[in-house]
Each structure stands twice: as structure tokens, then as C-alpha cells.
């Protein structure tokens, strides 16, 4: 699925990808935040429509770059699904697919 972006947004997204990739190469990705990387570029995240295509595209590219440059020895907060479920017992009645997605999201968002 490709998101529809204006020409300006598409240009800014390409610039963001280049900029963020360079930052990731130089400094690594552990502890970095989309807000910080975007602000270094002059993109004000709070001024962007959170449900808009450009916001979604920024997040997708940020996570792709994070995955690409994540150190192999990086330890996630929750090492397995049972550890996650012990921390969040209120998710017990969710489907196995949803539990797995919540587990992965919790680890991604904790970086």
C-alpha cells in the first residue's frame, strides 16, 4: 500500500529518510525518538495531522530505519510473550494474534 503524499510531503519524506539514515549510521538508534530526529530537520511533529498520510509515512520510515540499524545484541524489554503477559494480565482475553502484536508493539515503543 502506498500513501498518497503531496509533492512537498514526498520531497520532505525523502529528505527525512536520508537524514535519519545518516543519524542512525553515526549515532545508532537505541534511545532515539522520531520527534528528536524530525526536530533536527525542522519538522515539527506536533504540527502534523497525526492521522494524516505524511505522519503515517514518517512513522513507517522511522521504524524501518530503526529496524535496519538496531544492534544485533539489543535486548528488548519483554523477552517473550509470557513475560509480556505477566506485565499486562488485562490482555489475557485477547486473541493470540492480538497478544503477539501488542507484545511486539510494547517492545518497539520501549526503545
C-alpha atoms as a PDB file:
ATOM      1  CA  UNK A   1       0.000   0.000   0.000  1.00  0.00           C
ATOM      2  CA  UNK A   2       1.398   3.354  -0.979  1.00  0.00           C
ATOM      3  CA  UNK A   3       0.298   6.512   0.782  1.00  0.00           C
ATOM      4  CA  UNK A   4      -0.725   9.492  -1.267  1.00  0.00           C
ATOM      5  CA  UNK A   5       1.516  12.453  -0.452  1.00  0.00           C
ATOM      6  CA  UNK A   6       1.759  15.930  -1.917  1.00  0.00           C
ATOM      7  CA  UNK A   7       4.940  16.741  -3.857  1.00  0.00           C
ATOM      8  CA  UNK A   8       6.236  18.750  -0.896  1.00  0.00           C
ATOM      9  CA  UNK A   9       5.489  15.907   1.527  1.00  0.00           C
ATOM     10  CA  UNK A  10       7.151  13.337  -0.755  1.00  0.00           C
ATOM     11  CA  UNK A  11      10.249  15.533  -1.006  1.00  0.00           C
ATOM     12  CA  UNK A  12      10.330  16.091   2.754  1.00  0.00           C
ATOM     13  CA  UNK A  13       9.906  12.346   3.360  1.00  0.00           C
ATOM     14  CA  UNK A  14      12.863  11.512   1.082  1.00  0.00           C
ATOM     15  CA  UNK A  15      14.951  14.133   2.901  1.00  0.00           C
ATOM     16  CA  UNK A  16      13.855  12.682   6.245  1.00  0.00           C
ATOM     17  CA  UNK A  17      14.860   9.155   5.174  1.00  0.00           C
ATOM     18  CA  UNK A  18      18.322  10.339   4.111  1.00  0.00           C
ATOM     19  CA  UNK A  19      18.792  12.463   7.210  1.00  0.00           C
ATOM     20  CA  UNK A  20      17.550   9.807   9.650  1.00  0.00           C
ATOM     21  CA  UNK A  21      19.635   7.092   7.976  1.00  0.00           C
ATOM     22  CA  UNK A  22      22.756   9.234   8.371  1.00  0.00           C
ATOM     23  CA  UNK A  23      21.954   9.915  12.034  1.00  0.00           C
ATOM     24  CA  UNK A  24      21.393   6.184  12.609  1.00  0.00           C
ATOM     25  CA  UNK A  25      24.749   5.343  10.986  1.00  0.00           C
ATOM     26  CA  UNK A  26      26.606   7.966  13.028  1.00  0.00           C
ATOM     27  CA  UNK A  27      24.904   7.696  16.434  1.00  0.00           C
ATOM     28  CA  UNK A  28      22.924   4.466  16.429  1.00  0.00           C
ATOM     29  CA  UNK A  29      19.227   4.079  17.066  1.00  0.00           C
ATOM     30  CA  UNK A  30      18.978   2.986  20.691  1.00  0.00           C
ATOM     31  CA  UNK A  31      17.140   5.664  22.617  1.00  0.00           C
ATOM     32  CA  UNK A  32      16.349   7.828  19.624  1.00  0.00           C
ATOM     33  CA  UNK A  33      12.913   9.299  19.052  1.00  0.00           C
ATOM     34  CA  UNK A  34      11.039  10.343  15.950  1.00  0.00           C
ATOM     35  CA  UNK A  35      10.355  13.765  17.485  1.00  0.00           C
ATOM     36  CA  UNK A  36      14.061  14.397  18.047  1.00  0.00           C
ATOM     37  CA  UNK A  37      15.155  13.337  14.567  1.00  0.00           C
ATOM     38  CA  UNK A  38      12.337  15.301  12.923  1.00  0.00           C
ATOM     39  CA  UNK A  39      13.097  18.409  15.017  1.00  0.00           C
ATOM     40  CA  UNK A  40      16.755  18.278  13.946  1.00  0.00           C
ATOM     41  CA  UNK A  41      15.434  18.552  10.388  1.00  0.00           C
ATOM     42  CA  UNK A  42      12.994  21.326  11.208  1.00  0.00           C
ATOM     43  CA  UNK A  43       9.889  19.137  11.050  1.00  0.00           C
ATOM     44  CA  UNK A  44       7.504  19.925  13.891  1.00  0.00           C
ATOM     45  CA  UNK A  45       5.750  16.633  14.630  1.00  0.00           C
ATOM     46  CA  UNK A  46       3.092  18.257  16.806  1.00  0.00           C
ATOM     47  CA  UNK A  47       2.050  20.461  13.888  1.00  0.00           C
ATOM     48  CA  UNK A  48       1.365  17.463  11.622  1.00  0.00           C
ATOM     49  CA  UNK A  49      -2.038  15.786  11.439  1.00  0.00           C
ATOM     50  CA  UNK A  50      -1.467  12.587  13.468  1.00  0.00           C
ATOM     51  CA  UNK A  51      -3.847  10.565  11.312  1.00  0.00           C
ATOM     52  CA  UNK A  52      -2.637  12.033   8.040  1.00  0.00           C
ATOM     53  CA  UNK A  53      -0.641  10.222   5.392  1.00  0.00           C
ATOM     54  CA  UNK A  54       2.534  12.220   5.989  1.00  0.00           C
ATOM     55  CA  UNK A  55       2.543  11.405   9.701  1.00  0.00           C
ATOM     56  CA  UNK A  56       1.996   7.712   8.987  1.00  0.00           C
ATOM     57  CA  UNK A  57       4.730   7.733   6.330  1.00  0.00           C
ATOM     58  CA  UNK A  58       7.201   9.345   8.760  1.00  0.00           C
ATOM     59  CA  UNK A  59       6.499   6.699  11.398  1.00  0.00           C
ATOM     60  CA  UNK A  60       6.801   3.831   8.926  1.00  0.00           C
ATOM     61  CA  UNK A  61      10.120   5.080   7.595  1.00  0.00           C
ATOM     62  CA  UNK A  62      11.414   5.830  11.099  1.00  0.00           C
ATOM     63  CA  UNK A  63      10.623   2.273  12.210  1.00  0.00           C
ATOM     64  CA  UNK A  64      12.179   0.792   9.054  1.00  0.00           C
ATOM     65  CA  UNK A  65      15.391   2.726   9.697  1.00  0.00           C
ATOM     66  CA  UNK A  66      15.331   1.710  13.364  1.00  0.00           C
ATOM     67  CA  UNK A  67      14.988  -1.953  12.407  1.00  0.00           C
ATOM     68  CA  UNK A  68      17.803  -1.694   9.862  1.00  0.00           C
ATOM     69  CA  UNK A  69      20.286  -0.146  12.320  1.00  0.00           C
ATOM     70  CA  UNK A  70      19.228  -1.883  15.541  1.00  0.00           C
ATOM     71  CA  UNK A  71      22.269  -3.559  17.111  1.00  0.00           C
ATOM     72  CA  UNK A  72      22.192  -7.356  16.937  1.00  0.00           C
ATOM     73  CA  UNK A  73      22.805  -7.582  20.674  1.00  0.00           C
ATOM     74  CA  UNK A  74      19.968  -5.208  21.586  1.00  0.00           C
ATOM     75  CA  UNK A  75      17.812  -6.667  24.351  1.00  0.00           C
ATOM     76  CA  UNK A  76      14.095  -5.992  24.204  1.00  0.00           C
ATOM     77  CA  UNK A  77      12.165  -5.111  27.359  1.00  0.00           C
ATOM     78  CA  UNK A  78       9.972  -8.207  27.110  1.00  0.00           C
ATOM     79  CA  UNK A  79      11.949 -11.256  26.029  1.00  0.00           C
ATOM     80  CA  UNK A  80       8.948 -13.410  25.274  1.00  0.00           C
ATOM     81  CA  UNK A  81       5.169 -13.302  25.195  1.00  0.00           C
ATOM     82  CA  UNK A  82       4.763 -14.848  28.651  1.00  0.00           C
ATOM     83  CA  UNK A  83       6.900 -12.115  30.208  1.00  0.00           C
ATOM     84  CA  UNK A  84       4.761  -9.503  28.457  1.00  0.00           C
ATOM     85  CA  UNK A  85       1.539 -11.183  29.609  1.00  0.00           C
ATOM     86  CA  UNK A  86       2.788 -11.235  33.213  1.00  0.00           C
ATOM     87  CA  UNK A  87       3.214  -7.460  32.966  1.00  0.00           C
ATOM     88  CA  UNK A  88      -0.180  -6.962  31.263  1.00  0.00           C
ATOM     89  CA  UNK A  89      -2.612  -9.587  32.577  1.00  0.00           C
ATOM     90  CA  UNK A  90      -5.576  -7.476  31.422  1.00  0.00           C
ATOM     91  CA  UNK A  91      -4.753  -8.602  27.828  1.00  0.00           C
ATOM     92  CA  UNK A  92      -5.345 -12.266  28.698  1.00  0.00           C
ATOM     93  CA  UNK A  93      -8.710 -12.422  26.918  1.00  0.00           C
ATOM     94  CA  UNK A  94      -7.316 -11.054  23.647  1.00  0.00           C
ATOM     95  CA  UNK A  95      -6.708 -13.319  20.664  1.00  0.00           C
ATOM     96  CA  UNK A  96      -3.259 -14.863  20.251  1.00  0.00           C
ATOM     97  CA  UNK A  97      -2.607 -12.690  17.179  1.00  0.00           C
ATOM     98  CA  UNK A  98      -3.522  -9.520  19.064  1.00  0.00           C
ATOM     99  CA  UNK A  99      -1.372 -10.536  22.063  1.00  0.00           C
ATOM    100  CA  UNK A 100       1.591 -11.077  19.742  1.00  0.00           C
ATOM    101  CA  UNK A 101       1.038  -7.680  18.100  1.00  0.00           C
ATOM    102  CA  UNK A 102       0.741  -5.959  21.486  1.00  0.00           C
ATOM    103  CA  UNK A 103       3.933  -7.690  22.668  1.00  0.00           C
ATOM    104  CA  UNK A 104       5.851  -6.525  19.582  1.00  0.00           C
ATOM    105  CA  UNK A 105       4.436  -3.010  19.831  1.00  0.00           C
ATOM    106  CA  UNK A 106       5.396  -2.749  23.502  1.00  0.00           C
ATOM    107  CA  UNK A 107       8.973  -3.689  22.673  1.00  0.00           C
ATOM    108  CA  UNK A 108       9.185  -1.292  19.720  1.00  0.00           C
ATOM    109  CA  UNK A 109       7.731   1.582  21.701  1.00  0.00           C
ATOM    110  CA  UNK A 110      10.093   0.965  24.627  1.00  0.00           C
ATOM    111  CA  UNK A 111      13.226   1.558  22.581  1.00  0.00           C
END
